[in-house]
């Protein structure tokens, strides 16, 4: 009987992943592309339901991923070297989970094989987001959905 091989996200560290493995950790929820507000008193980060101007509101995919930083200069590039900064990512995020030594949830596409499971499980905000330009920045507080961390 052959020994069961652990999936790459269990047996490798983030630094050991190749580019394809790294990109596949993204579950496609789009939550990292929602606008966030930081509480100046305690540095807590709060997610709003207001999407980055490049995020497709239904699919939760960036409409110009390869060139996103040209259009959104403050778009954060996730890299293995920044894993200690992943606390602002949602607790369901594959990058955060792997950096914390945890397994991926059953609905993650790498586990279940279904890229739409993240939407069926309502992990994403698909169909519930607002376009960035549709809400004045001073009104973003009215659209908070959860606190990171």
Foldseek 3Di string as FASTA:
>chain_A
DDDDDDDCLQVDALVPDDPVVNVLLFLLQLQLQFDWDADPVPRWIFGFLEGEQQADQARSDGVCVVCVCVVVVPRDDDGSVCLVVCQQPAPQRSSVQSNVSHDHDCQRCVNPVDSCSCVVVPVHCRVPGDYNVVDDPVCRVVGTDGIGD
